[in-house]
Amino acid sequence: YTSGQLGLVPATGALPEGVEAQARQALDNLGAVLQAAGMDFADVTKTTVFLTDINDFAAVNSIYAEYFTGQAPARSCVQVAALPKGALFEIEAVAVK
């Protein structure tokens, strides 16, 4: 089980501009968490994606597909009123080795 990953740049703690950049960075951050546990995106069985604007789903979905190739994990995607630090995107995951 991972905690929610925002699109924070590890070196600076800043959020990049825009939902697409934040989604890429959050997915990179998730990849680092998985790697630290000896896993990768292929081991993910379930994700939950949080968006502050559900209208961003299509843009985020195309980026998501770049990271989850082949059999995609089960996913829930919900719109939320706000995310920490004013983020536009957050993802959490369950992975099984």
N, C-alpha and C. Protein backbone atom coordinates (compact mmCIF):
# COMPACT_ATOMS: atom_id res chain seq x y z
N TYR A 1 0.85 -1.16 0.00
CA TYR A 1 0.00 0.00 0.00
C TYR A 1 0.90 1.24 0.00
N THR A 2 0.63 2.14 -0.91
CA THR A 2 1.39 3.38 -0.91
C THR A 2 0.52 4.51 -0.37
N SER A 3 1.18 5.51 0.17
CA SER A 3 0.44 6.72 0.52
C SER A 3 0.22 7.50 -0.75
N GLY A 4 -0.64 8.49 -0.69
CA GLY A 4 -0.92 9.30 -1.85
C GLY A 4 0.33 10.03 -2.32
N GLN A 5 0.55 10.04 -3.61
CA GLN A 5 1.70 10.71 -4.20
C GLN A 5 1.21 11.94 -4.96
N LEU A 6 1.70 13.08 -4.54
CA LEU A 6 1.45 14.33 -5.26
C LEU A 6 2.54 14.51 -6.31
N GLY A 7 2.41 15.53 -7.11
CA GLY A 7 3.40 15.81 -8.13
C GLY A 7 4.53 16.70 -7.64
N LEU A 8 4.92 16.56 -6.40
CA LEU A 8 6.00 17.37 -5.84
C LEU A 8 7.34 16.94 -6.42
N VAL A 9 8.14 17.89 -6.85
CA VAL A 9 9.48 17.62 -7.35
C VAL A 9 10.36 17.33 -6.13
N PRO A 10 10.96 16.14 -6.05
CA PRO A 10 11.72 15.77 -4.84
C PRO A 10 12.83 16.76 -4.47
N ALA A 11 13.53 17.30 -5.45
CA ALA A 11 14.66 18.19 -5.18
C ALA A 11 14.24 19.53 -4.58
N THR A 12 13.02 19.98 -4.91
CA THR A 12 12.60 21.32 -4.48
C THR A 12 11.36 21.32 -3.59
N GLY A 13 10.56 20.27 -3.65
CA GLY A 13 9.30 20.23 -2.91
C GLY A 13 8.22 21.08 -3.55
N ALA A 14 8.49 21.58 -4.76
CA ALA A 14 7.52 22.43 -5.46
C ALA A 14 6.66 21.60 -6.39
N LEU A 15 5.47 22.12 -6.65
CA LEU A 15 4.57 21.51 -7.63
C LEU A 15 4.82 22.15 -8.99
N PRO A 16 4.96 21.34 -10.06
CA PRO A 16 5.06 21.93 -11.39
C PRO A 16 3.72 22.54 -11.80
N GLU A 17 3.75 23.39 -12.81
CA GLU A 17 2.54 24.04 -13.32
C GLU A 17 1.70 23.06 -14.13
N GLY A 18 0.41 23.01 -13.87
CA GLY A 18 -0.52 22.25 -14.69
C GLY A 18 -0.72 20.82 -14.27
N VAL A 19 -1.89 20.31 -14.57
CA VAL A 19 -2.25 18.96 -14.15
C VAL A 19 -1.42 17.90 -14.86
N GLU A 20 -1.08 18.11 -16.13
CA GLU A 20 -0.29 17.11 -16.85
C GLU A 20 1.10 16.96 -16.23
N ALA A 21 1.75 18.07 -15.95
CA ALA A 21 3.08 18.02 -15.34
C ALA A 21 3.02 17.42 -13.95
N GLN A 22 1.97 17.75 -13.20
CA GLN A 22 1.82 17.18 -11.87
C GLN A 22 1.55 15.69 -11.93
N ALA A 23 0.75 15.25 -12.90
CA ALA A 23 0.46 13.82 -13.04
C ALA A 23 1.74 13.06 -13.37
N ARG A 24 2.53 13.57 -14.31
CA ARG A 24 3.80 12.90 -14.65
C ARG A 24 4.72 12.80 -13.44
N GLN A 25 4.84 13.90 -12.71
CA GLN A 25 5.74 13.89 -11.55
C GLN A 25 5.22 12.96 -10.47
N ALA A 26 3.91 12.96 -10.22
CA ALA A 26 3.34 12.06 -9.22
C ALA A 26 3.55 10.60 -9.61
N LEU A 27 3.40 10.29 -10.89
CA LEU A 27 3.63 8.93 -11.35
C LEU A 27 5.12 8.57 -11.26
N ASP A 28 6.00 9.51 -11.53
CA ASP A 28 7.44 9.27 -11.33
C ASP A 28 7.71 9.01 -9.85
N ASN A 29 7.08 9.79 -8.98
CA ASN A 29 7.25 9.60 -7.53
C ASN A 29 6.73 8.23 -7.10
N LEU A 30 5.58 7.82 -7.65
CA LEU A 30 5.05 6.50 -7.36
C LEU A 30 6.03 5.42 -7.82
N GLY A 31 6.60 5.60 -9.01
CA GLY A 31 7.58 4.65 -9.52
C GLY A 31 8.77 4.51 -8.58
N ALA A 32 9.22 5.61 -7.99
CA ALA A 32 10.34 5.57 -7.04
C ALA A 32 9.97 4.80 -5.78
N VAL A 33 8.75 5.00 -5.30
CA VAL A 33 8.27 4.26 -4.12
C VAL A 33 8.21 2.76 -4.43
N LEU A 34 7.67 2.43 -5.58
CA LEU A 34 7.59 1.02 -5.98
C LEU A 34 8.99 0.41 -6.10
N GLN A 35 9.89 1.14 -6.74
CA GLN A 35 11.26 0.64 -6.92
C GLN A 35 11.94 0.40 -5.58
N ALA A 36 11.72 1.29 -4.62
CA ALA A 36 12.31 1.13 -3.29
C ALA A 36 11.80 -0.14 -2.60
N ALA A 37 10.61 -0.59 -2.99
CA ALA A 37 10.04 -1.81 -2.43
C ALA A 37 10.34 -3.03 -3.29
N GLY A 38 11.17 -2.87 -4.33
CA GLY A 38 11.52 -3.98 -5.21
C GLY A 38 10.43 -4.32 -6.20
N MET A 39 9.60 -3.34 -6.54
CA MET A 39 8.49 -3.57 -7.46
C MET A 39 8.51 -2.51 -8.56
N ASP A 40 7.56 -2.65 -9.49
CA ASP A 40 7.39 -1.64 -10.53
C ASP A 40 5.91 -1.54 -10.87
N PHE A 41 5.61 -0.75 -11.89
CA PHE A 41 4.21 -0.50 -12.25
C PHE A 41 3.46 -1.78 -12.61
N ALA A 42 4.14 -2.78 -13.10
CA ALA A 42 3.48 -4.05 -13.46
C ALA A 42 2.95 -4.78 -12.23
N ASP A 43 3.46 -4.44 -11.04
CA ASP A 43 3.01 -5.09 -9.80
C ASP A 43 1.80 -4.41 -9.17
N VAL A 44 1.39 -3.28 -9.72
CA VAL A 44 0.26 -2.53 -9.17
C VAL A 44 -1.05 -3.21 -9.57
N THR A 45 -1.90 -3.45 -8.57
CA THR A 45 -3.18 -4.11 -8.83
C THR A 45 -4.37 -3.16 -8.72
N LYS A 46 -4.19 -2.01 -8.04
CA LYS A 46 -5.29 -1.06 -7.84
C LYS A 46 -4.73 0.32 -7.61
N THR A 47 -5.33 1.32 -8.25
CA THR A 47 -4.96 2.71 -7.98
C THR A 47 -6.22 3.51 -7.68
N THR A 48 -6.01 4.59 -6.96
CA THR A 48 -7.05 5.59 -6.78
C THR A 48 -6.43 6.92 -7.19
N VAL A 49 -7.09 7.59 -8.11
CA VAL A 49 -6.64 8.89 -8.61
C VAL A 49 -7.60 9.95 -8.11
N PHE A 50 -7.03 11.03 -7.60
CA PHE A 50 -7.80 12.17 -7.11
C PHE A 50 -7.50 13.37 -8.00
N LEU A 51 -8.55 13.99 -8.53
CA LEU A 51 -8.42 15.18 -9.37
C LEU A 51 -9.24 16.31 -8.76
N THR A 52 -8.74 17.52 -8.84
CA THR A 52 -9.55 18.65 -8.38
C THR A 52 -10.54 19.09 -9.46
N ASP A 53 -10.32 18.62 -10.70
CA ASP A 53 -11.26 18.91 -11.79
C ASP A 53 -11.41 17.66 -12.65
N ILE A 54 -12.56 17.02 -12.58
CA ILE A 54 -12.79 15.77 -13.32
C ILE A 54 -12.68 15.98 -14.83
N ASN A 55 -12.79 17.23 -15.28
CA ASN A 55 -12.61 17.51 -16.71
C ASN A 55 -11.18 17.27 -17.17
N ASP A 56 -10.25 17.10 -16.24
CA ASP A 56 -8.86 16.78 -16.58
C ASP A 56 -8.65 15.28 -16.81
N PHE A 57 -9.70 14.49 -16.66
CA PHE A 57 -9.56 13.03 -16.74
C PHE A 57 -8.93 12.58 -18.05
N ALA A 58 -9.38 13.08 -19.18
CA ALA A 58 -8.85 12.61 -20.48
C ALA A 58 -7.36 12.89 -20.60
N ALA A 59 -6.92 14.07 -20.22
CA ALA A 59 -5.50 14.42 -20.30
C ALA A 59 -4.68 13.53 -19.38
N VAL A 60 -5.17 13.33 -18.17
CA VAL A 60 -4.47 12.49 -17.19
C VAL A 60 -4.48 11.03 -17.63
N ASN A 61 -5.58 10.57 -18.21
CA ASN A 61 -5.69 9.19 -18.64
C ASN A 61 -4.63 8.83 -19.68
N SER A 62 -4.34 9.73 -20.60
CA SER A 62 -3.32 9.43 -21.62
C SER A 62 -1.93 9.34 -20.98
N ILE A 63 -1.66 10.16 -19.99
CA ILE A 63 -0.38 10.08 -19.27
C ILE A 63 -0.32 8.80 -18.45
N TYR A 64 -1.39 8.48 -17.78
CA TYR A 64 -1.49 7.25 -16.97
C TYR A 64 -1.16 6.02 -17.82
N ALA A 65 -1.66 6.00 -19.05
CA ALA A 65 -1.44 4.86 -19.96
C ALA A 65 0.02 4.71 -20.34
N GLU A 66 0.81 5.76 -20.28
CA GLU A 66 2.24 5.67 -20.56
C GLU A 66 2.98 4.91 -19.46
N TYR A 67 2.48 4.95 -18.25
CA TYR A 67 3.12 4.30 -17.11
C TYR A 67 2.59 2.89 -16.89
N PHE A 68 1.31 2.70 -17.12
CA PHE A 68 0.69 1.39 -16.93
C PHE A 68 0.44 0.79 -18.31
N THR A 69 1.45 0.14 -18.85
CA THR A 69 1.34 -0.48 -20.17
C THR A 69 0.86 -1.91 -19.98
N GLY A 70 0.30 -2.49 -21.01
CA GLY A 70 -0.23 -3.84 -20.89
C GLY A 70 -1.51 -3.84 -20.09
N GLN A 71 -1.64 -4.82 -19.22
CA GLN A 71 -2.84 -4.96 -18.38
C GLN A 71 -2.86 -3.86 -17.33
N ALA A 72 -3.77 -2.93 -17.45
CA ALA A 72 -3.86 -1.83 -16.49
C ALA A 72 -4.50 -2.32 -15.19
N PRO A 73 -4.08 -1.76 -14.07
CA PRO A 73 -4.70 -2.15 -12.79
C PRO A 73 -6.11 -1.59 -12.68
N ALA A 74 -6.87 -2.14 -11.77
CA ALA A 74 -8.17 -1.56 -11.45
C ALA A 74 -7.94 -0.14 -10.97
N ARG A 75 -8.89 0.75 -11.28
CA ARG A 75 -8.69 2.16 -10.91
C ARG A 75 -10.01 2.80 -10.54
N SER A 76 -9.94 3.65 -9.54
CA SER A 76 -11.02 4.57 -9.21
C SER A 76 -10.48 5.97 -9.45
N CYS A 77 -11.31 6.85 -9.95
CA CYS A 77 -10.93 8.24 -10.16
C CYS A 77 -12.05 9.11 -9.61
N VAL A 78 -11.70 10.00 -8.71
CA VAL A 78 -12.70 10.84 -8.09
C VAL A 78 -12.27 12.31 -8.11
N GLN A 79 -13.27 13.17 -8.21
CA GLN A 79 -13.01 14.60 -8.08
C GLN A 79 -13.12 14.96 -6.60
N VAL A 80 -12.17 15.77 -6.14
CA VAL A 80 -12.16 16.22 -4.76
C VAL A 80 -12.17 17.74 -4.72
N ALA A 81 -12.61 18.29 -3.60
CA ALA A 81 -12.68 19.75 -3.47
C ALA A 81 -11.30 20.38 -3.42
N ALA A 82 -10.34 19.70 -2.79
CA ALA A 82 -8.99 20.24 -2.67
C ALA A 82 -8.02 19.12 -2.33
N LEU A 83 -6.76 19.35 -2.68
CA LEU A 83 -5.68 18.42 -2.35
C LEU A 83 -4.61 19.20 -1.59
N PRO A 84 -3.75 18.50 -0.83
CA PRO A 84 -2.70 19.19 -0.10
C PRO A 84 -1.83 20.05 -1.01
N LYS A 85 -1.37 21.18 -0.49
CA LYS A 85 -0.45 22.10 -1.17
C LYS A 85 -1.04 22.69 -2.46
N GLY A 86 -2.36 22.59 -2.63
CA GLY A 86 -2.98 23.12 -3.83
C GLY A 86 -2.77 22.27 -5.06
N ALA A 87 -2.40 21.00 -4.86
CA ALA A 87 -2.15 20.09 -5.98
C ALA A 87 -3.42 19.86 -6.79
N LEU A 88 -3.23 19.47 -8.03
CA LEU A 88 -4.34 19.19 -8.95
C LEU A 88 -4.55 17.69 -9.15
N PHE A 89 -3.56 16.87 -8.76
CA PHE A 89 -3.54 15.43 -9.02
C PHE A 89 -2.87 14.73 -7.85
N GLU A 90 -3.43 13.57 -7.47
CA GLU A 90 -2.82 12.70 -6.47
C GLU A 90 -3.15 11.27 -6.86
N ILE A 91 -2.22 10.35 -6.58
CA ILE A 91 -2.46 8.92 -6.85
C ILE A 91 -1.95 8.09 -5.69
N GLU A 92 -2.72 7.07 -5.34
CA GLU A 92 -2.27 6.06 -4.39
C GLU A 92 -2.44 4.71 -5.06
N ALA A 93 -1.67 3.72 -4.57
CA ALA A 93 -1.67 2.42 -5.24
C ALA A 93 -1.52 1.28 -4.25
N VAL A 94 -2.01 0.13 -4.69
CA VAL A 94 -1.78 -1.14 -4.01
C VAL A 94 -1.00 -2.00 -5.00
N ALA A 95 0.12 -2.55 -4.53
CA ALA A 95 0.94 -3.41 -5.39
C ALA A 95 1.18 -4.73 -4.69
N VAL A 96 1.30 -5.78 -5.48
CA VAL A 96 1.51 -7.13 -4.95
C VAL A 96 2.68 -7.75 -5.70
N LYS A 97 3.62 -8.29 -4.96
CA LYS A 97 4.77 -8.96 -5.57
C LYS A 97 4.57 -10.44 -5.50
